[in-house]
Each structure stands twice: as structure tokens, then as C-alpha cells.
């Protein structure tokens, strides 16, 4: 992902309040030592890890591609970590990992290859893999597909991904599509239809039921966009019909991540980049308020659990950083790892503890907060 300039001017639409986070020098719980999650296969040197993981049933589980010299870049690897133990296993799937999620039954992987968009799963109980389910036969164009997936109760799932549609050749516009079994079966259907590109979907369960979807709308058709807006859509789990709103329209907004807390009284938590600067927003006060962090980043990851919000990002040229807010207290910030990560950092929460996944040239690893 391209790094962008830090925003010099921060503004939002009139419907959204802005709070610039003045991060205090307060202490955050320190992180423990590096723990190896998975090493690449023999002869492979990691240049980039393309993957995703979530936590559940006491373990972090997900899927990844190892990309670099000597690596079979379309091999999809299952990776898992519980405590100090790590696991790596070659799956039967081939393609590029778009997203992963888990429930108590299985760990799912959304992936793309030259034949379309697919969903696979590995059962948690016996480690068996299900046959890859083709969600879309659309052949990817010059713009690589993106997507996200969430795993629901009773072995259900919901996936959203991008496809190029209409005229425009190799840089035809992208729109969002979906399929799901959460709340009832729904085959491939189009979610958005706009003259601009809709891309970078980040999906979560909506508090009280249904889905919450953050994505980017821009006019970058093979060139740098002149506008790039953050949007939030919400849908009923039974219908899959989405209604949306614009949350940020100033600057070049990219790389959204999303988390939610369950139940009718739950809330939505978002992180994203504006011209490389990290922002966070949530609707805890009733309306979304934006908070800006001093940063120059290439990615975001957000997690909320046990009254704590964690936002992690890859600081350009300066390792992995995490900001933390406990309930309604001030934000604190720390460097998790000084060396740059070859995986866009992923933060997950085990109760009040934050666990951050990263990668070096030799391994995927994690660091866990000590409490």
C-alpha cells in the first residue's frame, strides 16, 4: 500500500465532531517478549506476509501467503498461536488471502485467484478442510480484489469483496459485492453502484444484529484520486440490504478497519488513514467523533474488548505503534516493535490484553501486553 503525506489540515463534515487526541505521557502496560507464530517454508525468505487473523476459543487463527525470494506466493497457509505455541500448515487452497475470521466451529479464509473469489474453511475440532466454495466467477483485472469476511454462530459467514465492473478497461471502476449465510443464505449480490470506485471493505457484526461495513469511495481510475471518502454502511442480517453514510470527506482517506461490541447497546469503532495520518472514531458519545494521532502510517488495525480500545499501525520507516484507550480515559501510545513489520500489524484482544501480530524476514511473530 502506498504511503501518503500527513494531513496538514483536518476537517470533517458538519454532522461529525472532531477531537484531536493530545496523547499524554502516561504509561501503557508493557509488551512481553517476541513469540514466534510461524516460520516460512524452507528456502523462502519473507518479503511480505499477506494475511489476516482473529482471536477466538483461546487462540489466534488465520491464513497467510508468504511472498518473497524462494516462496510459492499462491500457497495459502493456515497459522495459529495459543500462548507460546505456534502452528503452520499448508492448506489445499491456492490464491491470495483477502481476509480470515473464526467462530467456535471453523476458521474461514476469503481468497482470490485467476478463477474468481472463493471461501474456504478449516474445522477447529479435527483440522479438516472444506472444499473451496466459489463466491464469484469474475476474473480479477488489473486492480487486485479486496475483501473481508466475518464468521457467525452455527457455522455461518458473511463476505464482502470488490469486483471491477462496467467499461474502463484494466482500470474499470470497482464496486462491492457480497454473499452470506448469516441470517439466511444469500448468493453473490452487488452492494454498491456508484460512478466512483468503492473498495477496501472492512466488515463487522452490527450491534444488535446485522452487519457494519466501512469502505472507501474514490475517483482513482489508474491515477491518484482527487477525492477519497470514508463511508459506513449498516445492514440487516436477514436481508443483506445496506444503508450508508459518509463519515470523512476531507483529504485522501484509506485503509479502514472496524470492530464492534455486541448487543443492542453496542458501539462501532473505526480506524483509518487520512493522508497517512491515523484517525479513530466511535459512536460511544452517541455520534461519531474523530481523533487524530501524530503518525505517518501505511495501515490500521482496531480492536475493542473489556472496555479497552486498541489501534495499531505500521509507522512508515519506524516500526509498529499502538494507541490504547481504557474506557473514557485519555489515549496513550507506545512503540510495540521498533523494526518495520513485513505484515501490516494486526491487533487482537484477549480481554484487556492487546496482542499484536507482525512479521520479519524470518517469521510471523506476536507480542502480548503484560497485565
Protein backbone atom coordinates (compact mmCIF):
# COMPACT_ATOMS: atom_id res chain seq x y z
CA UNK A 1 0.00 0.00 0.00
CA UNK A 2 1.30 3.45 -0.87
CA UNK A 3 2.22 5.75 1.98
CA UNK A 4 0.73 9.21 1.70
CA UNK A 5 1.60 12.63 3.08
CA UNK A 6 0.48 13.54 6.56
CA UNK A 7 -2.56 15.81 6.51
CA UNK A 8 -1.81 19.47 7.26
CA UNK A 9 -5.47 20.38 7.64
CA UNK A 10 -8.02 18.20 9.39
CA UNK A 11 -11.73 18.74 8.83
CA UNK A 12 -14.91 16.73 8.82
CA UNK A 13 -18.44 17.07 7.61
CA UNK A 14 -20.78 19.16 9.72
CA UNK A 15 -22.54 16.09 11.06
CA UNK A 16 -19.41 14.73 12.71
CA UNK A 17 -17.47 16.27 15.59
CA UNK A 18 -13.65 16.27 15.62
CA UNK A 19 -11.39 15.70 18.58
CA UNK A 20 -7.62 15.82 18.08
CA UNK A 21 -6.08 13.38 20.53
CA UNK A 22 -3.40 15.00 22.64
CA UNK A 23 -1.62 11.88 23.74
CA UNK A 24 -0.29 12.13 27.28
CA UNK A 25 2.95 10.66 28.50
CA UNK A 26 1.08 8.22 30.72
CA UNK A 27 2.34 4.67 30.90
CA UNK A 28 0.81 1.80 28.99
CA UNK A 29 1.17 -1.80 30.08
CA UNK A 30 4.46 -3.07 28.60
CA UNK A 31 4.65 -5.78 25.96
CA UNK A 32 6.25 -9.14 26.61
CA UNK A 33 8.97 -10.76 24.57
CA UNK A 34 8.64 -11.82 20.93
CA UNK A 35 6.87 -15.15 20.43
CA UNK A 36 7.13 -16.99 17.10
CA UNK A 37 3.80 -17.78 15.47
CA UNK A 38 5.03 -19.33 12.22
CA UNK A 39 8.22 -19.57 10.17
CA UNK A 40 8.17 -19.59 6.36
CA UNK A 41 8.68 -22.88 4.49
CA UNK A 42 12.30 -23.94 3.80
CA UNK A 43 14.01 -21.80 1.16
CA UNK A 44 11.51 -18.93 1.50
CA UNK A 45 12.67 -15.51 2.73
CA UNK A 46 9.78 -13.28 3.72
CA UNK A 47 9.49 -10.06 1.79
CA UNK A 48 5.82 -9.55 2.64
CA UNK A 49 3.26 -11.56 4.57
CA UNK A 50 -0.21 -11.17 3.09
CA UNK A 51 -2.69 -12.44 5.65
CA UNK A 52 -5.31 -11.97 8.31
CA UNK A 53 -6.10 -13.47 11.72
CA UNK A 54 -8.63 -13.19 14.53
CA UNK A 55 -8.86 -14.49 18.07
CA UNK A 56 -11.38 -16.94 19.48
CA UNK A 57 -11.64 -20.07 21.62
CA UNK A 58 -8.38 -19.14 23.32
CA UNK A 59 -6.23 -18.90 20.18
CA UNK A 60 -5.30 -16.62 17.30
CA UNK A 61 -6.10 -18.31 13.98
CA UNK A 62 -5.87 -17.18 10.38
CA UNK A 63 -4.40 -17.67 6.93
CA UNK A 64 -1.43 -16.13 5.12
CA UNK A 65 0.69 -16.04 1.96
CA UNK A 66 4.46 -15.85 2.27
CA UNK A 67 5.76 -13.61 -0.52
CA UNK A 68 9.47 -13.25 -1.27
CA UNK A 69 12.52 -15.00 -2.74
CA UNK A 70 12.01 -18.77 -2.85
CA UNK A 71 8.35 -18.55 -1.77
CA UNK A 72 5.36 -20.10 -3.55
CA UNK A 73 3.32 -16.93 -3.38
CA UNK A 74 -0.09 -18.53 -4.03
CA UNK A 75 0.28 -21.15 -1.30
CA UNK A 76 -2.31 -20.41 1.40
CA UNK A 77 -1.01 -21.34 4.85
CA UNK A 78 -3.09 -21.85 7.97
CA UNK A 79 -1.39 -20.28 11.01
CA UNK A 80 -2.39 -20.39 14.67
CA UNK A 81 -0.98 -19.41 18.05
CA UNK A 82 -2.07 -20.16 21.61
CA UNK A 83 0.21 -18.94 24.37
CA UNK A 84 3.79 -19.75 23.39
CA UNK A 85 2.78 -22.44 20.88
CA UNK A 86 2.60 -21.73 17.15
CA UNK A 87 1.34 -23.74 14.18
CA UNK A 88 1.78 -23.54 10.41
CA UNK A 89 0.04 -25.86 7.94
CA UNK A 90 -0.26 -25.79 4.16
CA UNK A 91 -3.92 -25.64 3.16
CA UNK A 92 -5.36 -27.08 -0.07
CA UNK A 93 -6.28 -23.58 -1.25
CA UNK A 94 -4.30 -21.54 -3.80
CA UNK A 95 -4.58 -17.81 -4.31
CA UNK A 96 -4.15 -14.56 -2.43
CA UNK A 97 -5.62 -14.23 1.06
CA UNK A 98 -8.12 -11.39 1.36
CA UNK A 99 -9.39 -11.98 4.91
CA UNK A 100 -9.94 -14.54 7.66
CA UNK A 101 -12.35 -14.98 10.57
CA UNK A 102 -13.32 -17.70 13.04
CA UNK A 103 -16.14 -18.93 15.24
CA UNK A 104 -16.24 -21.92 17.55
CA UNK A 105 -16.61 -24.30 14.61
CA UNK A 106 -14.18 -23.23 11.91
CA UNK A 107 -11.62 -20.71 10.71
CA UNK A 108 -12.61 -19.21 7.36
CA UNK A 109 -10.45 -17.75 4.60
CA UNK A 110 -11.63 -15.48 1.80
CA UNK A 111 -9.19 -15.68 -1.11
CA UNK A 112 -8.88 -14.78 -4.79
CA UNK A 113 -7.18 -16.39 -7.77
CA UNK A 114 -7.46 -16.25 -11.55
CA UNK A 115 -10.81 -18.08 -11.43
CA UNK A 116 -12.60 -15.72 -9.04
CA UNK A 117 -13.38 -15.25 -5.35
CA UNK A 118 -13.51 -18.26 -3.02
CA UNK A 119 -14.28 -19.14 0.59
CA UNK A 120 -12.50 -21.98 2.40
CA UNK A 121 -12.56 -23.18 5.98
CA UNK A 122 -10.62 -25.35 8.40
CA UNK A 123 -12.58 -27.07 11.17
CA UNK A 124 -11.27 -26.25 14.63
CA UNK A 125 -12.22 -29.66 16.07
CA UNK A 126 -10.39 -32.04 13.74
CA UNK A 127 -8.40 -29.79 11.41
CA UNK A 128 -10.26 -30.94 8.28
CA UNK A 129 -10.52 -28.53 5.35
CA UNK A 130 -13.76 -27.92 3.50
CA UNK A 131 -13.94 -27.75 -0.28
CA UNK A 132 -13.37 -24.24 -1.59
CA UNK A 133 -16.72 -22.54 -2.30
CA UNK A 134 -16.71 -20.22 -5.29
CA UNK A 135 -18.49 -16.98 -4.42
CA UNK A 136 -17.83 -15.20 -7.71
CA UNK A 137 -16.57 -16.36 -11.11
CA UNK A 138 -15.38 -12.87 -12.03
CA UNK A 139 -11.77 -12.95 -13.24
CA UNK A 140 -9.71 -10.27 -11.44
CA UNK A 141 -8.50 -7.43 -13.67
CA UNK A 142 -5.55 -5.07 -13.27
CA UNK A 143 -6.93 -3.94 -9.90
CA UNK A 144 -6.43 -6.74 -7.38
CA UNK A 145 -9.59 -7.69 -5.48
CA UNK A 146 -10.00 -6.83 -1.81
CA UNK A 147 -12.42 -8.25 0.72
CA UNK A 148 -13.38 -9.15 4.25
CA UNK A 149 -15.27 -11.97 5.96
CA UNK A 150 -16.86 -12.47 9.37
CA UNK A 151 -17.82 -15.79 10.96
CA UNK A 152 -21.15 -16.08 12.76
CA UNK A 153 -22.84 -18.59 15.02
CA UNK A 154 -23.76 -22.09 13.86
CA UNK A 155 -21.06 -22.25 11.18
CA UNK A 156 -22.32 -19.21 9.26
CA UNK A 157 -20.37 -16.47 7.49
CA UNK A 158 -20.70 -13.14 5.66
CA UNK A 159 -18.27 -11.97 2.97
CA UNK A 160 -17.86 -8.68 1.09
CA UNK A 161 -15.37 -8.16 -1.75
CA UNK A 162 -14.57 -5.92 -4.72
CA UNK A 163 -15.07 -6.57 -8.41
CA UNK A 164 -14.33 -4.42 -11.45
CA UNK A 165 -17.49 -3.60 -13.39
CA UNK A 166 -18.53 -1.66 -16.47
CA UNK A 167 -16.33 -0.03 -19.11
CA UNK A 168 -12.87 1.37 -18.49
CA UNK A 169 -10.59 -1.48 -19.48
CA UNK A 170 -7.96 -2.58 -16.99
CA UNK A 171 -8.87 0.25 -14.61
CA UNK A 172 -12.65 -0.18 -14.73
CA UNK A 173 -14.38 1.03 -11.58
CA UNK A 174 -14.68 -1.26 -8.58
CA UNK A 175 -17.89 -1.99 -6.71
CA UNK A 176 -18.67 -4.06 -3.62
CA UNK A 177 -20.34 -7.47 -3.75
CA UNK A 178 -21.47 -9.85 -1.01
CA UNK A 179 -22.59 -13.36 -0.17
CA UNK A 180 -23.60 -14.79 3.20
CA UNK A 181 -25.24 -17.48 5.26
CA UNK A 182 -25.65 -15.29 8.38
CA UNK A 183 -29.40 -14.71 8.83
CA UNK A 184 -30.19 -16.79 5.75
CA UNK A 185 -28.48 -17.77 2.52
CA UNK A 186 -27.68 -15.04 0.02
CA UNK A 187 -25.67 -15.67 -3.14
CA UNK A 188 -23.49 -13.15 -4.96
CA UNK A 189 -25.24 -9.76 -4.98
CA UNK A 190 -23.98 -6.28 -5.70
CA UNK A 191 -23.80 -3.95 -2.68
CA UNK A 192 -22.79 -0.60 -4.21
CA UNK A 193 -23.36 1.11 -7.55
CA UNK A 194 -21.62 4.46 -7.84
CA UNK A 195 -19.66 6.24 -10.60
CA UNK A 196 -16.66 6.31 -8.23
CA UNK A 197 -14.67 3.33 -7.01
CA UNK A 198 -15.89 1.56 -3.89
CA UNK A 199 -13.10 -0.50 -2.32
CA UNK A 200 -11.18 -1.52 0.83
CA UNK A 201 -14.16 -3.11 2.63
CA UNK A 202 -13.86 -3.79 6.38
CA UNK A 203 -16.71 -5.84 7.83
CA UNK A 204 -18.03 -6.48 11.36
CA UNK A 205 -21.28 -7.52 13.03
CA UNK A 206 -23.61 -4.61 13.71
CA UNK A 207 -24.53 -4.16 17.37
CA UNK A 208 -27.96 -5.69 17.85
CA UNK A 209 -27.76 -7.79 14.67
CA UNK A 210 -26.78 -7.43 11.04
CA UNK A 211 -23.59 -6.10 9.50
CA UNK A 212 -21.47 -2.95 9.70
CA UNK A 213 -19.28 -2.14 6.70
CA UNK A 214 -16.60 0.54 6.37
CA UNK A 215 -15.20 1.23 2.91
CA UNK A 216 -13.53 3.86 0.74
CA UNK A 217 -15.13 5.72 -2.19
CA UNK A 218 -12.67 7.47 -4.54
CA UNK A 219 -12.12 8.56 -8.14
CA UNK A 220 -8.69 6.98 -8.65
CA UNK A 221 -9.07 5.23 -12.02
CA UNK A 222 -5.44 4.27 -12.68
CA UNK A 223 -4.22 7.58 -11.23
CA UNK A 224 -4.02 9.20 -7.82
CA UNK A 225 -7.55 10.11 -6.64
CA UNK A 226 -8.52 13.74 -6.08
CA UNK A 227 -11.11 12.70 -3.50
CA UNK A 228 -11.31 9.64 -1.27
CA UNK A 229 -14.11 9.38 1.29
CA UNK A 230 -14.70 7.06 4.24
CA UNK A 231 -18.20 5.58 4.33
CA UNK A 232 -20.05 3.42 6.84
CA UNK A 233 -22.95 1.18 5.81
CA UNK A 234 -25.20 -0.97 8.00
CA UNK A 235 -27.45 -3.87 7.03
CA UNK A 236 -29.96 -6.26 8.45
CA UNK A 237 -28.64 -9.78 8.82
CA UNK A 238 -31.82 -11.23 7.34
CA UNK A 239 -31.90 -9.16 4.13
CA UNK A 240 -28.36 -8.00 3.40
CA UNK A 241 -29.74 -4.63 2.26
CA UNK A 242 -27.31 -1.84 3.13
CA UNK A 243 -27.88 1.81 4.02
CA UNK A 244 -24.85 4.09 4.32
CA UNK A 245 -23.47 7.42 5.45
CA UNK A 246 -20.34 9.42 4.75
CA UNK A 247 -18.04 9.82 7.75
CA UNK A 248 -14.99 11.62 6.34
CA UNK A 249 -14.65 13.57 3.09
CA UNK A 250 -11.59 15.80 3.50
CA UNK A 251 -8.21 14.56 2.29
CA UNK A 252 -7.32 11.14 0.92
CA UNK A 253 -8.92 8.59 3.27
CA UNK A 254 -7.71 4.98 3.04
CA UNK A 255 -7.15 1.71 4.91
CA UNK A 256 -10.22 1.45 7.17
CA UNK A 257 -10.52 -1.14 9.93
CA UNK A 258 -13.58 -1.80 12.09
CA UNK A 259 -14.66 -3.52 15.29
CA UNK A 260 -17.90 -3.56 17.24
CA UNK A 261 -19.27 -4.55 20.61
CA UNK A 262 -22.33 -6.84 20.62
CA UNK A 263 -25.91 -6.34 21.73
CA UNK A 264 -28.46 -3.55 21.21
CA UNK A 265 -26.30 -1.27 23.38
CA UNK A 266 -23.10 -1.97 21.48
CA UNK A 267 -21.00 0.51 19.55
CA UNK A 268 -18.93 0.79 16.35
CA UNK A 269 -15.19 1.53 16.37
CA UNK A 270 -13.29 2.64 13.27
CA UNK A 271 -9.69 3.44 12.39
CA UNK A 272 -8.36 4.70 9.07
CA UNK A 273 -5.72 6.85 7.42
CA UNK A 274 -6.10 10.37 6.08
CA UNK A 275 -3.07 11.32 4.01
CA UNK A 276 -1.09 8.82 6.08
CA UNK A 277 -2.31 10.12 9.46
CA UNK A 278 -4.13 7.66 11.73
CA UNK A 279 -7.66 8.52 12.84
CA UNK A 280 -10.07 6.73 15.20
CA UNK A 281 -13.80 7.26 15.57
CA UNK A 282 -16.52 5.63 17.62
CA UNK A 283 -20.13 6.36 18.49
CA UNK A 284 -19.77 5.93 22.25
CA UNK A 285 -20.99 9.51 22.81
CA UNK A 286 -23.99 8.86 20.54
CA UNK A 287 -22.47 10.43 17.41
CA UNK A 288 -19.14 9.67 15.78
CA UNK A 289 -16.20 11.77 16.96
CA UNK A 290 -12.85 11.72 15.19
CA UNK A 291 -9.50 11.53 16.96
CA UNK A 292 -6.21 12.14 15.15
CA UNK A 293 -2.85 10.65 16.15
CA UNK A 294 0.57 12.03 15.33
CA UNK A 295 1.62 9.45 12.78
CA UNK A 296 2.71 8.65 9.24
CA UNK A 297 1.33 5.17 8.65
CA UNK A 298 0.56 2.66 5.92
CA UNK A 299 -2.16 0.58 7.64
CA UNK A 300 -4.58 0.43 10.57
CA UNK A 301 -5.99 -2.30 12.81
CA UNK A 302 -8.55 -1.72 15.58
CA UNK A 303 -9.83 -3.98 18.36
CA UNK A 304 -12.25 -3.34 21.23
CA UNK A 305 -12.81 -5.59 24.25
CA UNK A 306 -13.33 -5.32 28.01
CA UNK A 307 -13.76 -1.55 27.85
CA UNK A 308 -10.44 -1.01 26.06
CA UNK A 309 -9.83 0.24 22.51
CA UNK A 310 -6.58 -0.65 20.76
CA UNK A 311 -5.40 0.85 17.46
CA UNK A 312 -2.21 -0.48 15.88
CA UNK A 313 -0.47 0.76 12.78
CA UNK A 314 2.69 0.34 10.73
CA UNK A 315 4.59 3.60 11.13
CA UNK A 316 6.41 4.33 7.87
CA UNK A 317 10.12 3.67 8.44
CA UNK A 318 9.69 3.35 12.20
CA UNK A 319 8.17 0.03 13.22
CA UNK A 320 4.79 -0.76 14.78
CA UNK A 321 2.90 1.63 17.08
CA UNK A 322 -0.18 1.07 19.22
CA UNK A 323 -2.54 3.55 20.89
CA UNK A 324 -4.79 2.47 23.75
CA UNK A 325 -7.78 3.96 25.49
CA UNK A 326 -9.24 2.41 28.64
CA UNK A 327 -12.92 3.31 28.97
CA UNK A 328 -13.22 7.12 28.90
CA UNK A 329 -9.64 7.90 29.93
CA UNK A 330 -7.06 9.65 27.77
CA UNK A 331 -5.26 7.82 24.98
CA UNK A 332 -1.73 6.54 25.48
CA UNK A 333 0.68 5.43 22.76
CA UNK A 334 3.75 3.22 22.58
CA UNK A 335 6.10 1.59 20.09
CA UNK A 336 5.38 -2.15 20.06
CA UNK A 337 8.36 -3.08 17.90
CA UNK A 338 10.99 -0.70 16.53
CA UNK A 339 11.85 -2.71 13.43
CA UNK A 340 9.47 -2.42 10.45
CA UNK A 341 6.93 -5.22 10.07
CA UNK A 342 6.57 -7.19 6.82
CA UNK A 343 2.94 -7.89 7.77
CA UNK A 344 0.54 -5.00 8.23
CA UNK A 345 0.23 -5.25 12.04
CA UNK A 346 -2.92 -6.94 13.34
CA UNK A 347 -4.14 -6.16 16.88
CA UNK A 348 -6.49 -8.59 18.63
CA UNK A 349 -7.74 -8.56 22.20
CA UNK A 350 -7.82 -11.27 24.83
CA UNK A 351 -9.96 -9.43 27.36
CA UNK A 352 -7.99 -6.34 28.42
CA UNK A 353 -4.76 -7.60 26.83
CA UNK A 354 -3.71 -6.48 23.37
CA UNK A 355 -1.81 -8.93 21.17
CA UNK A 356 -0.09 -7.55 18.07
CA UNK A 357 0.93 -9.77 15.15
CA UNK A 358 3.88 -8.69 12.99
CA UNK A 359 6.48 -10.28 10.71
CA UNK A 360 10.20 -10.15 9.98
CA UNK A 361 12.10 -11.73 7.08
CA UNK A 362 12.29 -14.96 9.11
CA UNK A 363 8.92 -15.37 10.87
CA UNK A 364 5.46 -14.21 11.81
CA UNK A 365 5.55 -13.25 15.47
CA UNK A 366 3.47 -11.65 18.19
CA UNK A 367 3.93 -9.53 21.28
CA UNK A 368 1.38 -9.56 24.12
CA UNK A 369 0.69 -6.90 26.72
CA UNK A 370 1.64 -7.84 30.27
CA UNK A 371 -1.08 -7.15 32.82
